[in-house]
Amino acid sequence: MADNKSKSLEFKVGIFVFAGLVILTWFVLWIGDFKIIKHGYHIKVTFSFANGIKVGAPLRLAGVDVGEVKEIKLTHDEDGNTTVFLTAWLDSEMQVPKDSRAWVNTLGLLGEKYLEIIPGKDFTVLLKEDDVIKGEDPTSVQEVTDMMKDIALQAKGTLASMDTALVGLNEVLGGKGTVGKFLTDDKLYVDLEEMFSDLKKNPWKLLYRPKGVQ
């Protein structure tokens, strides 16, 4: 008899604990607004350079998290060109026009990579399951390095040209060459001053043409 009471008590305690776990689980899911079954669809975005994005990276639509990257594949065509296919999952409530823009973005300078989509304007044609859009390739670090190198070389050439010009100007001001003599020779200055002074007193000389001069 005592054994039956003990088993009955254990059974009641087990039911109580199980019911408590069910209620606790429901409460946690309700607080977190968790959905056991999420409805959505997949789209594909193609790139020539994916910039290190990984499976599981967030997908943001107009800056809002609406999905994630599910798969990344590399393909090669007959010409040897490589294409990266990103398969991304989106919530079924998200409407994405086919004229939308997509690229790989970064949280901060060295942060997490994610897929960014900016919605287009034509909401009459929307992306559906397995539709493909072409992404905008990000600039690689090597391209930035090459660009900075070209800018540095151009700046070096410009500085060299300026240095040559300054040397030439220094020679002019130092009295070398015709222009230099004009700027530094006092006699030329005095002659020009006397000529202009004479023309002020006798302006008719500007119209005077000696005989035999055509």
N, C-alpha and C. Protein backbone atom coordinates (compact mmCIF):
# COMPACT_ATOMS: atom_id res chain seq x y z
N MET A 1 0.84 -1.21 0.00
CA MET A 1 0.00 0.00 0.00
C MET A 1 0.87 1.25 0.00
N ALA A 2 1.92 1.17 0.79
CA ALA A 2 2.84 2.31 0.87
C ALA A 2 3.53 2.53 -0.46
N ASP A 3 3.82 1.41 -1.16
CA ASP A 3 4.47 1.55 -2.47
C ASP A 3 3.57 2.24 -3.47
N ASN A 4 2.29 1.94 -3.44
CA ASN A 4 1.34 2.57 -4.37
C ASN A 4 1.26 4.08 -4.12
N LYS A 5 1.25 4.46 -2.83
CA LYS A 5 1.18 5.88 -2.49
C LYS A 5 2.46 6.60 -2.96
N SER A 6 3.60 5.92 -2.80
CA SER A 6 4.86 6.51 -3.20
C SER A 6 4.91 6.70 -4.71
N LYS A 7 4.45 5.72 -5.48
CA LYS A 7 4.43 5.83 -6.94
C LYS A 7 3.46 6.91 -7.38
N SER A 8 2.33 7.00 -6.72
CA SER A 8 1.35 8.02 -7.06
C SER A 8 1.90 9.42 -6.83
N LEU A 9 2.64 9.57 -5.72
CA LEU A 9 3.24 10.87 -5.41
C LEU A 9 4.30 11.25 -6.45
N GLU A 10 5.12 10.25 -6.82
CA GLU A 10 6.16 10.50 -7.82
C GLU A 10 5.54 10.89 -9.16
N PHE A 11 4.42 10.24 -9.51
CA PHE A 11 3.73 10.52 -10.77
C PHE A 11 3.19 11.95 -10.77
N LYS A 12 2.60 12.34 -9.63
CA LYS A 12 2.06 13.70 -9.52
C LYS A 12 3.17 14.74 -9.61
N VAL A 13 4.29 14.46 -8.93
CA VAL A 13 5.42 15.38 -8.98
C VAL A 13 5.96 15.49 -10.40
N GLY A 14 6.05 14.37 -11.10
CA GLY A 14 6.52 14.36 -12.49
C GLY A 14 5.63 15.20 -13.40
N ILE A 15 4.31 15.04 -13.23
CA ILE A 15 3.37 15.83 -14.03
C ILE A 15 3.53 17.31 -13.72
N PHE A 16 3.70 17.62 -12.45
CA PHE A 16 3.85 19.01 -12.04
C PHE A 16 5.12 19.63 -12.66
N VAL A 17 6.23 18.88 -12.61
CA VAL A 17 7.49 19.37 -13.17
C VAL A 17 7.38 19.55 -14.68
N PHE A 18 6.75 18.56 -15.35
CA PHE A 18 6.60 18.63 -16.80
C PHE A 18 5.74 19.84 -17.20
N ALA A 19 4.65 20.04 -16.48
CA ALA A 19 3.78 21.18 -16.76
C ALA A 19 4.52 22.49 -16.55
N GLY A 20 5.36 22.52 -15.50
CA GLY A 20 6.14 23.73 -15.24
C GLY A 20 7.13 24.02 -16.37
N LEU A 21 7.78 22.97 -16.88
CA LEU A 21 8.72 23.15 -17.99
C LEU A 21 8.01 23.63 -19.25
N VAL A 22 6.83 23.09 -19.52
CA VAL A 22 6.06 23.52 -20.69
C VAL A 22 5.69 24.99 -20.57
N ILE A 23 5.22 25.39 -19.41
CA ILE A 23 4.83 26.79 -19.20
C ILE A 23 6.05 27.70 -19.31
N LEU A 24 7.18 27.29 -18.72
CA LEU A 24 8.40 28.10 -18.78
C LEU A 24 8.89 28.26 -20.23
N THR A 25 8.84 27.15 -20.99
CA THR A 25 9.26 27.21 -22.39
C THR A 25 8.35 28.14 -23.19
N TRP A 26 7.05 28.02 -22.99
CA TRP A 26 6.11 28.91 -23.70
C TRP A 26 6.35 30.36 -23.33
N PHE A 27 6.64 30.63 -22.06
CA PHE A 27 6.86 32.00 -21.61
C PHE A 27 8.11 32.60 -22.26
N VAL A 28 9.18 31.78 -22.32
CA VAL A 28 10.43 32.26 -22.93
C VAL A 28 10.22 32.56 -24.41
N LEU A 29 9.54 31.65 -25.10
CA LEU A 29 9.28 31.87 -26.53
C LEU A 29 8.38 33.08 -26.75
N TRP A 30 7.43 33.28 -25.89
CA TRP A 30 6.51 34.42 -26.02
C TRP A 30 7.24 35.73 -25.78
N ILE A 31 8.10 35.74 -24.76
CA ILE A 31 8.87 36.95 -24.46
C ILE A 31 9.80 37.30 -25.63
N GLY A 32 10.43 36.30 -26.23
CA GLY A 32 11.36 36.54 -27.33
C GLY A 32 10.69 36.64 -28.68
N ASP A 33 9.36 36.53 -28.72
CA ASP A 33 8.62 36.57 -29.98
C ASP A 33 9.22 35.58 -30.97
N PHE A 34 9.51 34.38 -30.50
CA PHE A 34 10.18 33.36 -31.30
C PHE A 34 9.15 32.57 -32.10
N LYS A 35 9.47 32.35 -33.37
CA LYS A 35 8.60 31.55 -34.23
C LYS A 35 9.30 30.24 -34.56
N ILE A 36 8.65 29.14 -34.26
CA ILE A 36 9.24 27.83 -34.51
C ILE A 36 9.35 27.60 -36.02
N ILE A 37 8.35 27.98 -36.76
CA ILE A 37 8.36 27.83 -38.20
C ILE A 37 8.39 29.21 -38.83
N LYS A 38 9.46 29.49 -39.58
CA LYS A 38 9.59 30.77 -40.25
C LYS A 38 9.32 30.58 -41.74
N HIS A 39 8.45 31.39 -42.28
CA HIS A 39 8.12 31.30 -43.69
C HIS A 39 8.92 32.35 -44.45
N GLY A 40 9.51 31.93 -45.55
CA GLY A 40 10.29 32.86 -46.35
C GLY A 40 10.61 32.29 -47.71
N TYR A 41 11.53 32.92 -48.41
CA TYR A 41 11.91 32.47 -49.75
C TYR A 41 13.39 32.79 -49.96
N HIS A 42 13.95 32.19 -50.99
CA HIS A 42 15.38 32.32 -51.29
C HIS A 42 15.60 33.13 -52.56
N ILE A 43 16.64 33.95 -52.56
CA ILE A 43 17.07 34.65 -53.76
C ILE A 43 18.57 34.42 -53.93
N LYS A 44 19.06 34.65 -55.13
CA LYS A 44 20.49 34.50 -55.41
C LYS A 44 21.06 35.84 -55.85
N VAL A 45 22.25 36.16 -55.33
CA VAL A 45 22.94 37.39 -55.70
C VAL A 45 24.31 36.99 -56.24
N THR A 46 24.68 37.51 -57.41
CA THR A 46 25.96 37.14 -58.03
C THR A 46 26.98 38.26 -57.86
N PHE A 47 28.23 37.85 -57.66
CA PHE A 47 29.35 38.78 -57.53
C PHE A 47 30.55 38.20 -58.27
N SER A 48 31.47 39.08 -58.63
CA SER A 48 32.77 38.65 -59.12
C SER A 48 33.77 38.58 -57.96
N PHE A 49 33.47 39.34 -56.89
CA PHE A 49 34.33 39.38 -55.71
C PHE A 49 33.44 39.55 -54.49
N ALA A 50 33.47 38.56 -53.57
CA ALA A 50 32.53 38.54 -52.45
C ALA A 50 33.08 39.18 -51.18
N ASN A 51 34.37 39.55 -51.17
CA ASN A 51 34.95 40.31 -50.06
C ASN A 51 34.87 39.62 -48.71
N GLY A 52 34.95 38.28 -48.69
CA GLY A 52 35.05 37.57 -47.42
C GLY A 52 33.75 37.31 -46.69
N ILE A 53 32.60 37.50 -47.33
CA ILE A 53 31.33 37.22 -46.65
C ILE A 53 31.20 35.71 -46.44
N LYS A 54 30.52 35.31 -45.36
CA LYS A 54 30.43 33.90 -44.99
C LYS A 54 28.98 33.46 -44.87
N VAL A 55 28.79 32.14 -44.91
CA VAL A 55 27.46 31.57 -44.67
C VAL A 55 27.00 31.95 -43.26
N GLY A 56 25.76 32.36 -43.13
CA GLY A 56 25.23 32.80 -41.85
C GLY A 56 25.30 34.30 -41.65
N ALA A 57 25.93 35.01 -42.59
CA ALA A 57 26.02 36.47 -42.48
C ALA A 57 24.62 37.07 -42.61
N PRO A 58 24.36 38.16 -41.91
CA PRO A 58 23.03 38.78 -41.98
C PRO A 58 22.72 39.35 -43.36
N LEU A 59 21.45 39.39 -43.67
CA LEU A 59 20.97 40.08 -44.87
C LEU A 59 20.14 41.27 -44.39
N ARG A 60 20.49 42.45 -44.87
CA ARG A 60 19.77 43.65 -44.45
C ARG A 60 19.08 44.28 -45.65
N LEU A 61 17.82 44.60 -45.48
CA LEU A 61 17.03 45.28 -46.49
C LEU A 61 16.77 46.69 -46.00
N ALA A 62 17.37 47.67 -46.70
CA ALA A 62 17.27 49.07 -46.29
C ALA A 62 17.76 49.26 -44.86
N GLY A 63 18.79 48.48 -44.47
CA GLY A 63 19.39 48.61 -43.15
C GLY A 63 18.73 47.81 -42.06
N VAL A 64 17.70 47.00 -42.41
CA VAL A 64 16.97 46.21 -41.40
C VAL A 64 17.26 44.73 -41.62
N ASP A 65 17.58 43.99 -40.55
CA ASP A 65 17.83 42.55 -40.66
C ASP A 65 16.54 41.82 -41.05
N VAL A 66 16.58 41.14 -42.21
CA VAL A 66 15.39 40.43 -42.69
C VAL A 66 15.71 39.00 -43.11
N GLY A 67 16.97 38.58 -42.97
CA GLY A 67 17.32 37.24 -43.39
C GLY A 67 18.80 36.97 -43.19
N GLU A 68 19.31 35.97 -43.90
CA GLU A 68 20.71 35.62 -43.77
C GLU A 68 21.20 34.87 -45.01
N VAL A 69 22.52 34.83 -45.16
CA VAL A 69 23.14 34.10 -46.27
C VAL A 69 23.15 32.62 -45.93
N LYS A 70 22.59 31.80 -46.81
CA LYS A 70 22.47 30.37 -46.55
C LYS A 70 23.52 29.54 -47.25
N GLU A 71 23.99 30.02 -48.41
CA GLU A 71 24.92 29.20 -49.19
C GLU A 71 25.78 30.08 -50.08
N ILE A 72 27.03 29.67 -50.30
CA ILE A 72 27.95 30.39 -51.19
C ILE A 72 28.59 29.38 -52.12
N LYS A 73 28.49 29.65 -53.44
CA LYS A 73 29.07 28.76 -54.43
C LYS A 73 29.90 29.55 -55.44
N LEU A 74 30.96 28.89 -55.94
CA LEU A 74 31.80 29.48 -56.99
C LEU A 74 31.55 28.71 -58.29
N THR A 75 31.36 29.46 -59.39
CA THR A 75 31.21 28.84 -60.70
C THR A 75 32.18 29.49 -61.68
N HIS A 76 32.50 28.77 -62.75
CA HIS A 76 33.42 29.26 -63.78
C HIS A 76 32.79 29.05 -65.15
N ASP A 77 32.86 30.07 -66.00
CA ASP A 77 32.33 29.93 -67.34
C ASP A 77 33.42 29.45 -68.31
N GLU A 78 33.08 29.36 -69.59
CA GLU A 78 34.02 28.84 -70.59
C GLU A 78 35.23 29.76 -70.78
N ASP A 79 35.05 31.05 -70.48
CA ASP A 79 36.15 32.01 -70.64
C ASP A 79 37.04 32.09 -69.40
N GLY A 80 36.70 31.31 -68.39
CA GLY A 80 37.52 31.31 -67.18
C GLY A 80 37.12 32.35 -66.16
N ASN A 81 36.02 33.05 -66.40
CA ASN A 81 35.55 34.05 -65.45
C ASN A 81 34.87 33.38 -64.26
N THR A 82 35.17 33.87 -63.06
CA THR A 82 34.61 33.30 -61.83
C THR A 82 33.43 34.13 -61.35
N THR A 83 32.36 33.44 -60.97
CA THR A 83 31.18 34.10 -60.43
C THR A 83 30.84 33.50 -59.07
N VAL A 84 30.57 34.35 -58.12
CA VAL A 84 30.17 33.91 -56.77
C VAL A 84 28.66 34.00 -56.66
N PHE A 85 28.01 32.89 -56.31
CA PHE A 85 26.57 32.87 -56.12
C PHE A 85 26.27 32.82 -54.62
N LEU A 86 25.62 33.86 -54.12
CA LEU A 86 25.17 33.89 -52.73
C LEU A 86 23.68 33.57 -52.70
N THR A 87 23.32 32.50 -52.00
CA THR A 87 21.91 32.18 -51.79
C THR A 87 21.50 32.73 -50.44
N ALA A 88 20.51 33.62 -50.44
CA ALA A 88 20.07 34.27 -49.20
C ALA A 88 18.60 33.98 -48.94
N TRP A 89 18.28 33.85 -47.67
CA TRP A 89 16.90 33.62 -47.25
C TRP A 89 16.32 34.92 -46.72
N LEU A 90 15.06 35.22 -47.15
CA LEU A 90 14.36 36.40 -46.68
C LEU A 90 13.03 36.01 -46.08
N ASP A 91 12.58 36.78 -45.12
CA ASP A 91 11.26 36.60 -44.55
C ASP A 91 10.20 36.81 -45.62
N SER A 92 9.16 36.00 -45.60
CA SER A 92 8.14 36.03 -46.65
C SER A 92 7.41 37.38 -46.72
N GLU A 93 7.45 38.14 -45.64
CA GLU A 93 6.77 39.43 -45.64
C GLU A 93 7.56 40.51 -46.36
N MET A 94 8.83 40.23 -46.66
CA MET A 94 9.68 41.23 -47.29
C MET A 94 9.48 41.23 -48.80
N GLN A 95 9.12 42.37 -49.36
CA GLN A 95 8.96 42.52 -50.80
C GLN A 95 10.17 43.27 -51.36
N VAL A 96 10.84 42.63 -52.30
CA VAL A 96 12.07 43.20 -52.86
C VAL A 96 11.89 43.37 -54.37
N PRO A 97 11.91 44.60 -54.88
CA PRO A 97 11.80 44.82 -56.33
C PRO A 97 13.01 44.25 -57.06
N LYS A 98 12.80 43.86 -58.32
CA LYS A 98 13.89 43.29 -59.11
C LYS A 98 14.96 44.31 -59.46
N ASP A 99 14.61 45.60 -59.42
CA ASP A 99 15.61 46.62 -59.73
C ASP A 99 16.38 47.07 -58.49
N SER A 100 16.36 46.25 -57.45
CA SER A 100 17.09 46.57 -56.21
C SER A 100 18.59 46.43 -56.42
N ARG A 101 19.36 47.11 -55.58
CA ARG A 101 20.82 47.04 -55.62
C ARG A 101 21.31 46.22 -54.43
N ALA A 102 22.38 45.45 -54.65
CA ALA A 102 22.92 44.60 -53.59
C ALA A 102 24.44 44.65 -53.60
N TRP A 103 25.04 44.65 -52.42
CA TRP A 103 26.49 44.59 -52.30
C TRP A 103 26.87 44.05 -50.93
N VAL A 104 28.14 43.68 -50.77
CA VAL A 104 28.66 43.20 -49.49
C VAL A 104 29.14 44.41 -48.70
N ASN A 105 28.58 44.59 -47.52
CA ASN A 105 28.94 45.74 -46.68
C ASN A 105 29.66 45.25 -45.43
N THR A 106 30.20 46.19 -44.68
CA THR A 106 30.97 45.86 -43.47
C THR A 106 30.50 46.71 -42.31
N LEU A 107 30.35 46.09 -41.14
CA LEU A 107 30.02 46.83 -39.92
C LEU A 107 31.29 47.47 -39.38
N GLY A 108 31.47 48.76 -39.64
CA GLY A 108 32.69 49.43 -39.24
C GLY A 108 33.80 49.12 -40.22
N LEU A 109 35.03 49.52 -39.86
CA LEU A 109 36.17 49.31 -40.75
C LEU A 109 36.60 47.85 -40.81
N LEU A 110 36.58 47.16 -39.67
CA LEU A 110 37.04 45.77 -39.62
C LEU A 110 35.99 44.86 -39.03
N GLY A 111 34.71 45.21 -39.22
CA GLY A 111 33.64 44.46 -38.60
C GLY A 111 33.13 43.31 -39.45
N GLU A 112 31.97 42.80 -39.07
CA GLU A 112 31.35 41.65 -39.72
C GLU A 112 30.85 42.04 -41.12
N LYS A 113 31.03 41.11 -42.07
CA LYS A 113 30.52 41.30 -43.42
C LYS A 113 29.04 40.90 -43.45
N TYR A 114 28.25 41.62 -44.22
CA TYR A 114 26.85 41.26 -44.39
C TYR A 114 26.37 41.67 -45.77
N LEU A 115 25.25 41.08 -46.20
CA LEU A 115 24.68 41.38 -47.51
C LEU A 115 23.68 42.52 -47.37
N GLU A 116 23.94 43.60 -48.06
CA GLU A 116 23.08 44.79 -48.00
C GLU A 116 22.27 44.88 -49.30
N ILE A 117 20.96 45.06 -49.16
CA ILE A 117 20.08 45.27 -50.32
C ILE A 117 19.31 46.57 -50.13
N ILE A 118 19.43 47.44 -51.12
CA ILE A 118 18.65 48.68 -51.12
C ILE A 118 17.50 48.51 -52.10
N PRO A 119 16.25 48.58 -51.64
CA PRO A 119 15.11 48.32 -52.52
C PRO A 119 15.06 49.29 -53.70
N GLY A 120 14.65 48.74 -54.85
CA GLY A 120 14.43 49.57 -56.02
C GLY A 120 13.11 50.32 -55.92
N LYS A 121 12.67 50.87 -57.04
CA LYS A 121 11.46 51.68 -57.03
C LYS A 121 10.27 51.01 -57.71
N ASP A 122 10.54 49.96 -58.51
CA ASP A 122 9.46 49.30 -59.24
C ASP A 122 8.91 48.13 -58.44
N PHE A 123 7.90 48.39 -57.61
CA PHE A 123 7.32 47.34 -56.78
C PHE A 123 6.28 46.51 -57.53
N THR A 124 6.15 46.75 -58.83
CA THR A 124 5.24 45.92 -59.62
C THR A 124 5.91 44.61 -60.04
N VAL A 125 7.25 44.60 -60.03
CA VAL A 125 8.00 43.38 -60.37
C VAL A 125 8.88 43.02 -59.18
N LEU A 126 8.49 41.99 -58.44
CA LEU A 126 9.18 41.62 -57.21
C LEU A 126 9.98 40.33 -57.39
N LEU A 127 11.01 40.19 -56.56
CA LEU A 127 11.80 38.96 -56.55
C LEU A 127 10.99 37.82 -55.97
N LYS A 128 11.13 36.65 -56.61
CA LYS A 128 10.46 35.44 -56.14
C LYS A 128 11.49 34.37 -55.82
N GLU A 129 11.02 33.20 -55.42
CA GLU A 129 11.91 32.10 -55.05
C GLU A 129 12.93 31.80 -56.15
N ASP A 130 14.22 31.80 -55.76
CA ASP A 130 15.35 31.47 -56.63
C ASP A 130 15.60 32.48 -57.74
N ASP A 131 15.01 33.67 -57.67
CA ASP A 131 15.34 34.72 -58.63
C ASP A 131 16.77 35.20 -58.39
N VAL A 132 17.41 35.70 -59.46
CA VAL A 132 18.82 36.09 -59.39
C VAL A 132 18.95 37.58 -59.70
N ILE A 133 19.72 38.30 -58.89
CA ILE A 133 20.06 39.69 -59.18
C ILE A 133 21.58 39.83 -59.15
N LYS A 134 22.09 40.79 -59.91
CA LYS A 134 23.54 41.00 -59.97
C LYS A 134 23.95 42.01 -58.92
N GLY A 135 24.89 41.61 -58.07
CA GLY A 135 25.38 42.50 -57.02
C GLY A 135 26.48 43.41 -57.54
N GLU A 136 26.75 44.45 -56.78
CA GLU A 136 27.82 45.40 -57.10
C GLU A 136 29.09 44.97 -56.37
N ASP A 137 30.14 44.70 -57.15
CA ASP A 137 31.38 44.20 -56.55
C ASP A 137 32.04 45.25 -55.65
N PRO A 138 32.43 44.87 -54.44
CA PRO A 138 33.14 45.80 -53.56
C PRO A 138 34.56 46.02 -54.04
N THR A 139 35.17 47.11 -53.59
CA THR A 139 36.56 47.40 -53.93
C THR A 139 37.47 46.62 -53.00
N SER A 140 38.41 45.87 -53.58
CA SER A 140 39.33 45.08 -52.77
C SER A 140 40.42 45.97 -52.18
N VAL A 141 41.08 45.45 -51.15
CA VAL A 141 42.18 46.18 -50.52
C VAL A 141 43.31 46.41 -51.52
N GLN A 142 43.55 45.42 -52.40
CA GLN A 142 44.61 45.55 -53.40
C GLN A 142 44.31 46.68 -54.37
N GLU A 143 43.04 46.82 -54.77
CA GLU A 143 42.66 47.91 -55.67
C GLU A 143 42.87 49.26 -55.01
N VAL A 144 42.53 49.35 -53.72
CA VAL A 144 42.75 50.61 -53.00
C VAL A 144 44.24 50.91 -52.92
N THR A 145 45.06 49.87 -52.67
CA THR A 145 46.51 50.06 -52.60
C THR A 145 47.07 50.55 -53.93
N ASP A 146 46.61 49.92 -55.03
CA ASP A 146 47.08 50.33 -56.36
C ASP A 146 46.66 51.77 -56.66
N MET A 147 45.44 52.13 -56.25
CA MET A 147 44.95 53.49 -56.48
C MET A 147 45.80 54.51 -55.72
N MET A 148 46.12 54.20 -54.46
CA MET A 148 46.94 55.09 -53.66
C MET A 148 48.35 55.21 -54.25
N LYS A 149 48.85 54.09 -54.80
CA LYS A 149 50.17 54.12 -55.42
C LYS A 149 50.18 55.03 -56.64
N ASP A 150 49.11 54.95 -57.46
CA ASP A 150 49.02 55.80 -58.65
C ASP A 150 48.94 57.27 -58.25
N ILE A 151 48.16 57.56 -57.20
CA ILE A 151 48.04 58.95 -56.73
C ILE A 151 49.39 59.47 -56.24
N ALA A 152 50.12 58.60 -55.52
CA ALA A 152 51.44 59.00 -55.01
C ALA A 152 52.40 59.29 -56.15
N LEU A 153 52.37 58.45 -57.21
CA LEU A 153 53.25 58.66 -58.36
C LEU A 153 52.90 59.95 -59.09
N GLN A 154 51.60 60.23 -59.23
CA GLN A 154 51.16 61.47 -59.87
C GLN A 154 51.59 62.68 -59.05
N ALA A 155 51.44 62.57 -57.73
CA ALA A 155 51.85 63.67 -56.86
C ALA A 155 53.36 63.90 -56.95
N LYS A 156 54.12 62.81 -57.05
CA LYS A 156 55.57 62.93 -57.17
C LYS A 156 55.95 63.64 -58.46
N GLY A 157 55.24 63.27 -59.57
CA GLY A 157 55.50 63.92 -60.85
C GLY A 157 55.16 65.40 -60.82
N THR A 158 54.03 65.73 -60.15
CA THR A 158 53.62 67.12 -60.04
C THR A 158 54.63 67.93 -59.25
N LEU A 159 55.12 67.35 -58.15
CA LEU A 159 56.12 68.04 -57.33
C LEU A 159 57.43 68.24 -58.10
N ALA A 160 57.78 67.25 -58.93
CA ALA A 160 59.01 67.38 -59.73
C ALA A 160 58.85 68.52 -60.75
N SER A 161 57.66 68.61 -61.35
CA SER A 161 57.41 69.69 -62.32
C SER A 161 57.45 71.05 -61.63
N MET A 162 56.86 71.12 -60.44
CA MET A 162 56.88 72.37 -59.69
C MET A 162 58.31 72.75 -59.32
N ASP A 163 59.12 71.76 -58.96
CA ASP A 163 60.51 72.02 -58.59
C ASP A 163 61.28 72.58 -59.79
N THR A 164 61.04 71.99 -60.98
CA THR A 164 61.69 72.48 -62.20
C THR A 164 61.28 73.90 -62.50
N ALA A 165 59.95 74.18 -62.32
CA ALA A 165 59.45 75.52 -62.58
C ALA A 165 60.06 76.54 -61.62
N LEU A 166 60.20 76.14 -60.36
CA LEU A 166 60.78 77.04 -59.37
C LEU A 166 62.26 77.30 -59.67
N VAL A 167 62.97 76.27 -60.16
CA VAL A 167 64.37 76.47 -60.53
C VAL A 167 64.47 77.45 -61.69
N GLY A 168 63.56 77.31 -62.67
CA GLY A 168 63.56 78.23 -63.80
C GLY A 168 63.25 79.64 -63.37
N LEU A 169 62.28 79.79 -62.46
CA LEU A 169 61.93 81.11 -61.96
C LEU A 169 63.10 81.72 -61.19
N ASN A 170 63.81 80.87 -60.44
CA ASN A 170 64.97 81.36 -59.70
C ASN A 170 66.06 81.86 -60.65
N GLU A 171 66.23 81.17 -61.79
CA GLU A 171 67.21 81.60 -62.77
C GLU A 171 66.80 82.93 -63.39
N VAL A 172 65.46 83.06 -63.63
CA VAL A 172 64.96 84.33 -64.19
C VAL A 172 65.22 85.47 -63.24
N LEU A 173 64.86 85.25 -61.98
CA LEU A 173 65.04 86.31 -60.99
C LEU A 173 66.52 86.55 -60.71
N GLY A 174 67.35 85.55 -60.99
CA GLY A 174 68.78 85.71 -60.77
C GLY A 174 69.48 86.45 -61.89
N GLY A 175 68.73 86.79 -62.95
CA GLY A 175 69.31 87.60 -64.02
C GLY A 175 69.76 86.81 -65.22
N LYS A 176 69.45 85.50 -65.28
CA LYS A 176 69.86 84.70 -66.41
C LYS A 176 68.78 84.74 -67.48
N GLY A 177 69.20 84.81 -68.75
CA GLY A 177 68.25 84.83 -69.85
C GLY A 177 67.71 86.22 -70.11
N THR A 178 66.94 86.35 -71.20
CA THR A 178 66.40 87.65 -71.62
C THR A 178 65.44 88.22 -70.59
N VAL A 179 64.51 87.34 -70.11
CA VAL A 179 63.55 87.81 -69.12
C VAL A 179 64.25 88.21 -67.84
N GLY A 180 65.25 87.42 -67.46
CA GLY A 180 65.99 87.76 -66.25
C GLY A 180 66.68 89.10 -66.36
N LYS A 181 67.29 89.37 -67.51
CA LYS A 181 67.96 90.66 -67.71
C LYS A 181 66.94 91.80 -67.66
N PHE A 182 65.74 91.52 -68.24
CA PHE A 182 64.70 92.57 -68.22
C PHE A 182 64.28 92.90 -66.79
N LEU A 183 64.23 91.85 -65.94
CA LEU A 183 63.78 92.08 -64.58
C LEU A 183 64.87 92.65 -63.69
N THR A 184 66.13 92.39 -64.03
CA THR A 184 67.20 92.79 -63.12
C THR A 184 68.07 93.94 -63.63
N ASP A 185 68.00 94.28 -64.93
CA ASP A 185 68.84 95.33 -65.51
C ASP A 185 68.18 96.70 -65.27
N ASP A 186 68.84 97.56 -64.47
CA ASP A 186 68.28 98.88 -64.16
C ASP A 186 68.23 99.78 -65.39
N LYS A 187 69.17 99.61 -66.32
CA LYS A 187 69.21 100.47 -67.51
C LYS A 187 67.95 100.29 -68.36
N LEU A 188 67.52 99.04 -68.52
CA LEU A 188 66.29 98.80 -69.29
C LEU A 188 65.10 99.47 -68.62
N TYR A 189 65.04 99.41 -67.31
CA TYR A 189 63.94 100.02 -66.58
C TYR A 189 63.95 101.54 -66.77
N VAL A 190 65.13 102.13 -66.69
CA VAL A 190 65.24 103.58 -66.86
C VAL A 190 64.85 103.99 -68.27
N ASP A 191 65.30 103.21 -69.28
CA ASP A 191 64.96 103.53 -70.67
C ASP A 191 63.45 103.45 -70.89
N LEU A 192 62.80 102.42 -70.34
CA LEU A 192 61.35 102.30 -70.50
C LEU A 192 60.62 103.45 -69.81
N GLU A 193 61.10 103.85 -68.65
CA GLU A 193 60.48 104.96 -67.92
C GLU A 193 60.59 106.26 -68.71
N GLU A 194 61.76 106.49 -69.32
CA GLU A 194 61.96 107.70 -70.12
C GLU A 194 61.07 107.68 -71.37
N MET A 195 60.91 106.49 -71.98
CA MET A 195 60.09 106.38 -73.18
C MET A 195 58.63 106.71 -72.87
N PHE A 196 58.09 106.12 -71.78
CA PHE A 196 56.69 106.39 -71.41
C PHE A 196 56.49 107.84 -71.00
N SER A 197 57.49 108.42 -70.36
CA SER A 197 57.40 109.83 -69.98
C SER A 197 57.36 110.72 -71.21
N ASP A 198 58.15 110.38 -72.22
CA ASP A 198 58.17 111.16 -73.46
C ASP A 198 56.86 111.03 -74.21
N LEU A 199 56.28 109.82 -74.20
CA LEU A 199 54.99 109.62 -74.89
C LEU A 199 53.87 110.39 -74.21
N LYS A 200 53.94 110.54 -72.88
CA LYS A 200 52.92 111.32 -72.18
C LYS A 200 52.98 112.79 -72.61
N LYS A 201 54.21 113.29 -72.81
CA LYS A 201 54.37 114.69 -73.21
C LYS A 201 54.08 114.89 -74.69
N ASN A 202 54.37 113.89 -75.50
CA ASN A 202 54.19 114.00 -76.96
C ASN A 202 53.41 112.79 -77.48
N PRO A 203 52.12 112.71 -77.20
CA PRO A 203 51.34 111.55 -77.63
C PRO A 203 51.22 111.43 -79.13
N TRP A 204 51.46 112.56 -79.88
CA TRP A 204 51.37 112.50 -81.33
C TRP A 204 52.38 111.53 -81.94
N LYS A 205 53.44 111.21 -81.16
CA LYS A 205 54.45 110.30 -81.68
C LYS A 205 53.92 108.88 -81.91
N LEU A 206 52.80 108.54 -81.21
CA LEU A 206 52.22 107.23 -81.42
C LEU A 206 51.63 107.09 -82.82
N LEU A 207 51.21 108.26 -83.38
CA LEU A 207 50.60 108.24 -84.72
C LEU A 207 51.60 108.59 -85.79
N TYR A 208 52.77 108.99 -85.43
CA TYR A 208 53.78 109.43 -86.41
C TYR A 208 54.43 108.21 -87.05
N ARG A 209 54.48 108.22 -88.40
CA ARG A 209 55.11 107.13 -89.12
C ARG A 209 56.18 107.72 -90.01
N PRO A 210 57.45 107.38 -89.81
CA PRO A 210 58.52 107.92 -90.64
C PRO A 210 58.33 107.58 -92.11
N LYS A 211 58.86 108.40 -92.96
CA LYS A 211 58.75 108.18 -94.39
C LYS A 211 59.48 106.89 -94.77
N GLY A 212 58.87 106.18 -95.71
CA GLY A 212 59.46 104.92 -96.19
C GLY A 212 59.02 103.72 -95.40
N VAL A 213 58.28 103.92 -94.24
CA VAL A 213 57.79 102.81 -93.42
C VAL A 213 56.36 102.53 -93.82
N GLN A 214 56.02 101.35 -94.26
CA GLN A 214 54.67 100.98 -94.70
C GLN A 214 53.87 100.46 -93.51
